[in-house]
N, C-alpha and C. Protein backbone atom coordinates (compact mmCIF):
# COMPACT_ATOMS: atom_id res chain seq x y z
N UNK A 1 -13.74 -13.27 -25.66
CA UNK A 1 -12.82 -12.37 -24.99
C UNK A 1 -12.36 -11.30 -25.97
N UNK A 2 -12.29 -10.10 -25.51
CA UNK A 2 -11.87 -8.97 -26.33
C UNK A 2 -10.35 -8.84 -26.27
N UNK A 3 -9.67 -9.25 -27.35
CA UNK A 3 -8.22 -9.21 -27.39
C UNK A 3 -7.68 -7.85 -27.79
N UNK A 4 -8.55 -6.91 -28.07
CA UNK A 4 -8.09 -5.58 -28.45
C UNK A 4 -7.67 -4.77 -27.22
N UNK A 5 -8.09 -5.22 -26.03
CA UNK A 5 -7.71 -4.52 -24.81
C UNK A 5 -6.27 -4.87 -24.43
N UNK A 6 -5.63 -3.95 -23.76
CA UNK A 6 -4.28 -4.20 -23.25
C UNK A 6 -4.34 -5.24 -22.15
N UNK A 7 -3.27 -5.98 -22.00
CA UNK A 7 -3.21 -6.97 -20.90
C UNK A 7 -3.29 -6.28 -19.55
N UNK A 8 -2.93 -5.00 -19.48
CA UNK A 8 -3.03 -4.27 -18.22
C UNK A 8 -4.48 -3.99 -17.83
N UNK A 9 -5.42 -4.20 -18.76
CA UNK A 9 -6.83 -4.00 -18.46
C UNK A 9 -7.47 -5.26 -17.90
N UNK A 10 -6.75 -6.38 -17.89
CA UNK A 10 -7.31 -7.61 -17.35
C UNK A 10 -7.38 -7.49 -15.83
N UNK A 11 -8.53 -7.77 -15.23
CA UNK A 11 -8.68 -7.60 -13.78
C UNK A 11 -7.63 -8.34 -12.95
N UNK A 12 -7.31 -9.58 -13.32
CA UNK A 12 -6.34 -10.34 -12.54
C UNK A 12 -4.96 -9.67 -12.57
N UNK A 13 -4.56 -9.18 -13.72
CA UNK A 13 -3.26 -8.50 -13.85
C UNK A 13 -3.27 -7.22 -13.02
N UNK A 14 -4.38 -6.53 -12.99
CA UNK A 14 -4.44 -5.26 -12.27
C UNK A 14 -4.40 -5.43 -10.75
N UNK A 15 -4.85 -6.59 -10.23
CA UNK A 15 -4.83 -6.76 -8.78
C UNK A 15 -3.55 -7.42 -8.27
N UNK A 16 -2.72 -7.95 -9.15
CA UNK A 16 -1.50 -8.63 -8.71
C UNK A 16 -0.55 -7.73 -7.91
N UNK A 17 -0.30 -6.48 -8.31
CA UNK A 17 0.59 -5.65 -7.48
C UNK A 17 0.07 -5.43 -6.06
N UNK A 18 -1.23 -5.23 -5.91
CA UNK A 18 -1.79 -5.04 -4.57
C UNK A 18 -1.70 -6.33 -3.76
N UNK A 19 -1.97 -7.46 -4.40
CA UNK A 19 -1.88 -8.75 -3.71
C UNK A 19 -0.44 -9.00 -3.26
N UNK A 20 0.53 -8.66 -4.13
CA UNK A 20 1.95 -8.82 -3.77
C UNK A 20 2.30 -7.93 -2.58
N UNK A 21 1.86 -6.68 -2.60
CA UNK A 21 2.16 -5.76 -1.50
C UNK A 21 1.53 -6.25 -0.20
N UNK A 22 0.29 -6.72 -0.26
CA UNK A 22 -0.37 -7.23 0.94
C UNK A 22 0.34 -8.46 1.49
N UNK A 23 0.74 -9.36 0.60
CA UNK A 23 1.46 -10.56 1.03
C UNK A 23 2.80 -10.20 1.66
N UNK A 24 3.49 -9.22 1.08
CA UNK A 24 4.78 -8.78 1.62
C UNK A 24 4.59 -8.18 3.01
N UNK A 25 3.57 -7.35 3.18
CA UNK A 25 3.29 -6.74 4.49
C UNK A 25 2.99 -7.84 5.50
N UNK A 26 2.16 -8.80 5.12
CA UNK A 26 1.81 -9.89 6.05
C UNK A 26 3.06 -10.67 6.45
N UNK A 27 3.91 -10.98 5.46
CA UNK A 27 5.14 -11.73 5.72
C UNK A 27 6.05 -10.96 6.67
N UNK A 28 6.22 -9.67 6.44
CA UNK A 28 7.07 -8.85 7.31
C UNK A 28 6.49 -8.75 8.71
N UNK A 29 5.16 -8.62 8.81
CA UNK A 29 4.51 -8.50 10.11
C UNK A 29 4.56 -9.79 10.91
N UNK A 30 4.78 -10.88 10.23
CA UNK A 30 4.82 -12.19 10.88
C UNK A 30 6.20 -12.47 11.50
N UNK A 31 7.16 -11.59 11.27
CA UNK A 31 8.51 -11.76 11.82
C UNK A 31 8.57 -11.15 13.21
N UNK A 32 9.23 -11.88 14.11
CA UNK A 32 9.38 -11.37 15.47
C UNK A 32 10.26 -10.13 15.50
N UNK A 33 11.26 -10.13 14.65
CA UNK A 33 12.18 -8.99 14.59
C UNK A 33 12.58 -8.76 13.14
N UNK A 34 12.64 -7.50 12.75
CA UNK A 34 13.04 -7.15 11.40
C UNK A 34 14.46 -6.58 11.44
N UNK A 35 15.24 -6.78 10.37
CA UNK A 35 16.60 -6.22 10.35
C UNK A 35 16.56 -4.69 10.34
N UNK A 36 17.52 -4.10 10.99
CA UNK A 36 17.63 -2.65 11.04
C UNK A 36 18.91 -2.22 10.34
N UNK A 37 18.81 -1.33 9.37
CA UNK A 37 20.04 -0.86 8.72
C UNK A 37 20.83 0.02 9.68
N UNK A 38 22.14 0.03 9.55
CA UNK A 38 22.96 0.86 10.44
C UNK A 38 22.64 2.34 10.26
N UNK A 39 22.70 3.06 11.36
CA UNK A 39 22.49 4.51 11.30
C UNK A 39 21.05 4.94 11.54
N UNK A 40 20.14 3.97 11.66
CA UNK A 40 18.73 4.30 11.91
C UNK A 40 18.29 3.67 13.22
N UNK A 41 17.52 4.41 14.00
CA UNK A 41 16.89 3.80 15.17
C UNK A 41 15.71 2.98 14.68
N UNK A 42 15.23 2.08 15.53
CA UNK A 42 14.09 1.26 15.15
C UNK A 42 12.88 2.12 14.81
N UNK A 43 12.66 3.19 15.58
CA UNK A 43 11.49 4.04 15.38
C UNK A 43 11.53 4.72 14.01
N UNK A 44 12.70 5.24 13.64
CA UNK A 44 12.84 5.91 12.33
C UNK A 44 12.64 4.90 11.21
N UNK A 45 13.27 3.74 11.34
CA UNK A 45 13.15 2.70 10.32
C UNK A 45 11.70 2.23 10.20
N UNK A 46 10.99 2.13 11.31
CA UNK A 46 9.59 1.71 11.30
C UNK A 46 8.73 2.72 10.54
N UNK A 47 8.94 4.01 10.79
CA UNK A 47 8.16 5.05 10.11
C UNK A 47 8.45 5.03 8.61
N UNK A 48 9.73 4.95 8.24
CA UNK A 48 10.09 4.90 6.82
C UNK A 48 9.47 3.68 6.15
N UNK A 49 9.57 2.54 6.82
CA UNK A 49 9.03 1.30 6.26
C UNK A 49 7.53 1.33 6.09
N UNK A 50 6.81 1.74 7.14
CA UNK A 50 5.35 1.81 7.06
C UNK A 50 4.91 2.80 5.99
N UNK A 51 5.49 3.98 5.99
CA UNK A 51 5.13 5.01 5.03
C UNK A 51 5.31 4.50 3.60
N UNK A 52 6.44 3.87 3.34
CA UNK A 52 6.76 3.42 1.98
C UNK A 52 5.90 2.25 1.54
N UNK A 53 5.83 1.20 2.35
CA UNK A 53 5.12 -0.01 1.89
C UNK A 53 3.62 0.24 1.79
N UNK A 54 3.06 1.05 2.68
CA UNK A 54 1.63 1.34 2.57
C UNK A 54 1.35 2.37 1.48
N UNK A 55 2.33 3.21 1.17
CA UNK A 55 2.21 4.07 0.00
C UNK A 55 2.17 3.25 -1.27
N UNK A 56 3.07 2.27 -1.35
CA UNK A 56 3.08 1.36 -2.50
C UNK A 56 1.78 0.58 -2.57
N UNK A 57 1.30 0.09 -1.43
CA UNK A 57 0.02 -0.64 -1.41
C UNK A 57 -1.11 0.25 -1.90
N UNK A 58 -1.19 1.48 -1.42
CA UNK A 58 -2.25 2.39 -1.86
C UNK A 58 -2.20 2.63 -3.36
N UNK A 59 -1.01 2.83 -3.87
CA UNK A 59 -0.84 3.04 -5.31
C UNK A 59 -1.23 1.79 -6.09
N UNK A 60 -0.87 0.61 -5.57
CA UNK A 60 -1.22 -0.65 -6.24
C UNK A 60 -2.73 -0.87 -6.23
N UNK A 61 -3.39 -0.51 -5.14
CA UNK A 61 -4.85 -0.63 -5.08
C UNK A 61 -5.49 0.34 -6.05
N UNK A 62 -4.98 1.57 -6.08
CA UNK A 62 -5.49 2.57 -7.04
C UNK A 62 -5.38 2.03 -8.46
N UNK A 63 -4.23 1.46 -8.80
CA UNK A 63 -4.03 0.85 -10.11
C UNK A 63 -5.01 -0.31 -10.31
N UNK A 64 -5.17 -1.13 -9.29
CA UNK A 64 -6.05 -2.30 -9.38
C UNK A 64 -7.51 -1.95 -9.59
N UNK A 65 -7.92 -0.80 -9.08
CA UNK A 65 -9.31 -0.38 -9.28
C UNK A 65 -9.60 -0.06 -10.74
N UNK A 66 -8.55 0.18 -11.50
CA UNK A 66 -8.67 0.29 -12.96
C UNK A 66 -9.27 1.57 -13.47
N UNK A 67 -8.87 1.88 -14.68
CA UNK A 67 -9.37 3.07 -15.36
C UNK A 67 -10.82 2.89 -15.79
N UNK A 68 -11.23 1.67 -16.03
CA UNK A 68 -12.57 1.41 -16.55
C UNK A 68 -13.51 0.88 -15.48
N UNK A 69 -13.27 1.23 -14.23
CA UNK A 69 -14.08 0.71 -13.14
C UNK A 69 -15.40 1.46 -12.98
N UNK A 70 -15.55 2.58 -13.66
CA UNK A 70 -16.75 3.39 -13.51
C UNK A 70 -16.62 4.40 -12.38
N UNK A 71 -15.48 4.37 -11.68
CA UNK A 71 -15.26 5.33 -10.61
C UNK A 71 -14.57 6.57 -11.16
N UNK A 72 -14.90 7.70 -10.61
CA UNK A 72 -14.16 8.91 -10.92
C UNK A 72 -12.77 8.77 -10.30
N UNK A 73 -11.79 9.46 -10.84
CA UNK A 73 -10.43 9.34 -10.32
C UNK A 73 -10.36 9.66 -8.84
N UNK A 74 -11.07 10.70 -8.41
CA UNK A 74 -11.06 11.09 -6.99
C UNK A 74 -11.63 9.96 -6.13
N UNK A 75 -12.68 9.30 -6.62
CA UNK A 75 -13.25 8.16 -5.88
C UNK A 75 -12.25 7.02 -5.81
N UNK A 76 -11.59 6.72 -6.91
CA UNK A 76 -10.55 5.68 -6.93
C UNK A 76 -9.47 5.99 -5.91
N UNK A 77 -9.06 7.24 -5.86
CA UNK A 77 -8.00 7.63 -4.93
C UNK A 77 -8.42 7.38 -3.49
N UNK A 78 -9.62 7.81 -3.13
CA UNK A 78 -10.04 7.67 -1.73
C UNK A 78 -10.37 6.23 -1.37
N UNK A 79 -10.89 5.45 -2.31
CA UNK A 79 -11.06 4.02 -2.06
C UNK A 79 -9.71 3.37 -1.80
N UNK A 80 -8.72 3.70 -2.63
CA UNK A 80 -7.38 3.12 -2.48
C UNK A 80 -6.77 3.49 -1.13
N UNK A 81 -6.89 4.75 -0.75
CA UNK A 81 -6.36 5.20 0.53
C UNK A 81 -7.09 4.50 1.68
N UNK A 82 -8.40 4.41 1.58
CA UNK A 82 -9.20 3.76 2.62
C UNK A 82 -8.88 2.28 2.77
N UNK A 83 -8.76 1.57 1.66
CA UNK A 83 -8.46 0.14 1.70
C UNK A 83 -7.05 -0.08 2.25
N UNK A 84 -6.09 0.73 1.82
CA UNK A 84 -4.72 0.59 2.33
C UNK A 84 -4.68 0.86 3.84
N UNK A 85 -5.40 1.87 4.30
CA UNK A 85 -5.44 2.18 5.73
C UNK A 85 -6.13 1.06 6.50
N UNK A 86 -7.22 0.55 5.97
CA UNK A 86 -7.91 -0.57 6.61
C UNK A 86 -6.98 -1.78 6.72
N UNK A 87 -6.19 -2.03 5.68
CA UNK A 87 -5.22 -3.12 5.74
C UNK A 87 -4.14 -2.83 6.79
N UNK A 88 -3.83 -1.55 7.01
CA UNK A 88 -2.91 -1.17 8.08
C UNK A 88 -3.47 -1.54 9.44
N UNK A 89 -4.78 -1.36 9.63
CA UNK A 89 -5.43 -1.77 10.88
C UNK A 89 -5.34 -3.30 11.03
N UNK A 90 -5.63 -4.02 9.94
CA UNK A 90 -5.52 -5.48 9.95
C UNK A 90 -4.09 -5.90 10.29
N UNK A 91 -3.11 -5.21 9.73
CA UNK A 91 -1.70 -5.48 10.00
C UNK A 91 -1.39 -5.34 11.48
N UNK A 92 -1.89 -4.29 12.11
CA UNK A 92 -1.62 -4.08 13.53
C UNK A 92 -2.33 -5.13 14.39
N UNK A 93 -3.53 -5.53 14.02
CA UNK A 93 -4.22 -6.61 14.74
C UNK A 93 -3.41 -7.90 14.61
N UNK A 94 -2.93 -8.18 13.41
CA UNK A 94 -2.09 -9.36 13.17
C UNK A 94 -0.86 -9.34 14.07
N UNK A 95 -0.22 -8.18 14.19
CA UNK A 95 0.99 -8.07 15.01
C UNK A 95 0.72 -8.36 16.48
N UNK A 96 -0.50 -8.14 16.93
CA UNK A 96 -0.87 -8.43 18.32
C UNK A 96 -0.65 -9.91 18.64
N UNK A 97 -0.78 -10.77 17.64
CA UNK A 97 -0.66 -12.21 17.84
C UNK A 97 0.73 -12.75 17.51
N UNK A 98 1.65 -11.90 17.13
CA UNK A 98 3.02 -12.32 16.80
C UNK A 98 3.91 -12.05 18.01
N UNK A 99 4.59 -13.09 18.51
CA UNK A 99 5.49 -12.88 19.66
C UNK A 99 6.54 -11.81 19.35
N UNK A 100 6.76 -10.91 20.30
CA UNK A 100 7.76 -9.86 20.12
C UNK A 100 7.25 -8.63 19.40
N UNK A 101 6.01 -8.65 18.92
CA UNK A 101 5.43 -7.50 18.20
C UNK A 101 4.24 -6.98 18.99
N UNK A 102 3.93 -5.72 18.77
CA UNK A 102 2.74 -5.14 19.40
C UNK A 102 2.10 -4.14 18.45
N UNK A 103 0.78 -4.01 18.51
CA UNK A 103 0.11 -3.03 17.66
C UNK A 103 0.42 -1.61 18.11
N UNK A 104 0.38 -0.68 17.16
CA UNK A 104 0.70 0.71 17.46
C UNK A 104 -0.15 1.62 16.57
N UNK A 105 -0.90 2.52 17.18
CA UNK A 105 -1.76 3.42 16.42
C UNK A 105 -0.93 4.38 15.56
N UNK A 106 0.29 4.70 15.98
CA UNK A 106 1.16 5.57 15.19
C UNK A 106 1.48 4.91 13.85
N UNK A 107 1.62 3.58 13.85
CA UNK A 107 1.86 2.87 12.60
C UNK A 107 0.69 3.03 11.64
N UNK A 108 -0.53 2.96 12.14
CA UNK A 108 -1.72 3.12 11.28
C UNK A 108 -1.77 4.54 10.71
N UNK A 109 -1.45 5.52 11.53
CA UNK A 109 -1.42 6.91 11.04
C UNK A 109 -0.35 7.06 9.95
N UNK A 110 0.81 6.44 10.17
CA UNK A 110 1.88 6.48 9.17
C UNK A 110 1.45 5.77 7.90
N UNK A 111 0.75 4.64 8.04
CA UNK A 111 0.23 3.91 6.88
C UNK A 111 -0.70 4.81 6.06
N UNK A 112 -1.60 5.50 6.75
CA UNK A 112 -2.55 6.40 6.10
C UNK A 112 -1.80 7.51 5.35
N UNK A 113 -0.83 8.13 6.02
CA UNK A 113 -0.09 9.23 5.39
C UNK A 113 0.70 8.75 4.18
N UNK A 114 1.29 7.57 4.26
CA UNK A 114 2.01 7.02 3.11
C UNK A 114 1.07 6.79 1.94
N UNK A 115 -0.10 6.21 2.21
CA UNK A 115 -1.08 5.97 1.15
C UNK A 115 -1.54 7.29 0.54
N UNK A 116 -1.80 8.29 1.36
CA UNK A 116 -2.25 9.60 0.85
C UNK A 116 -1.20 10.21 -0.07
N UNK A 117 0.03 10.26 0.39
CA UNK A 117 1.09 10.89 -0.40
C UNK A 117 1.30 10.14 -1.72
N UNK A 118 1.42 8.83 -1.65
CA UNK A 118 1.68 8.06 -2.87
C UNK A 118 0.51 8.13 -3.84
N UNK A 119 -0.72 7.97 -3.34
CA UNK A 119 -1.89 7.92 -4.23
C UNK A 119 -2.22 9.29 -4.82
N UNK A 120 -2.06 10.33 -4.04
CA UNK A 120 -2.44 11.65 -4.53
C UNK A 120 -1.32 12.33 -5.34
N UNK A 121 -0.06 12.03 -5.04
CA UNK A 121 1.03 12.75 -5.70
C UNK A 121 1.67 12.00 -6.86
N UNK A 122 1.94 10.72 -6.69
CA UNK A 122 2.69 10.00 -7.73
C UNK A 122 1.98 10.00 -9.08
N UNK A 123 0.67 9.73 -9.16
CA UNK A 123 0.02 9.82 -10.48
C UNK A 123 0.12 11.22 -11.10
N UNK A 124 0.05 12.26 -10.28
CA UNK A 124 0.18 13.63 -10.80
C UNK A 124 1.58 13.88 -11.33
N UNK A 125 2.60 13.41 -10.61
CA UNK A 125 3.98 13.56 -11.07
C UNK A 125 4.16 12.79 -12.38
N UNK A 126 3.62 11.59 -12.43
CA UNK A 126 3.73 10.77 -13.64
C UNK A 126 3.08 11.49 -14.83
N UNK A 127 1.86 12.00 -14.64
CA UNK A 127 1.16 12.71 -15.72
C UNK A 127 1.95 13.93 -16.18
N UNK A 128 2.51 14.63 -15.23
CA UNK A 128 3.23 15.87 -15.53
C UNK A 128 4.49 15.61 -16.36
N UNK A 129 5.25 14.58 -16.00
CA UNK A 129 6.55 14.38 -16.63
C UNK A 129 6.60 13.27 -17.67
N UNK A 130 5.66 12.35 -17.64
CA UNK A 130 5.78 11.19 -18.53
C UNK A 130 4.63 11.03 -19.50
N UNK A 131 3.57 11.76 -19.37
CA UNK A 131 2.44 11.64 -20.29
C UNK A 131 2.59 12.57 -21.46
């Protein structure tokens, strides 16, 4: 084993954030009803939630694909967005089988947009201000 590499380069460490995000999404989708903060309608809260959690998932997948994966950054970005969106489809299918929940194509579109914004913008902001 090459100990000169950072622990962040270990494949298992790199996939843990994405696995955590996927598990969290599954757990939330398995609930018949989710808490709603005061001042928000369910629809607004749903859009904010989907956009954010799937943005985080997309970013975690992008990170998990790793710098040394052999993929160009643009390829990594689109794979991450695609996988996050595909998981959004799986999430909606899962909700079909949960009492009190129903699948919604608007949620998948919101998932896609969250992944796009987080994956394409956050690394650029990070490079600009923190690198």
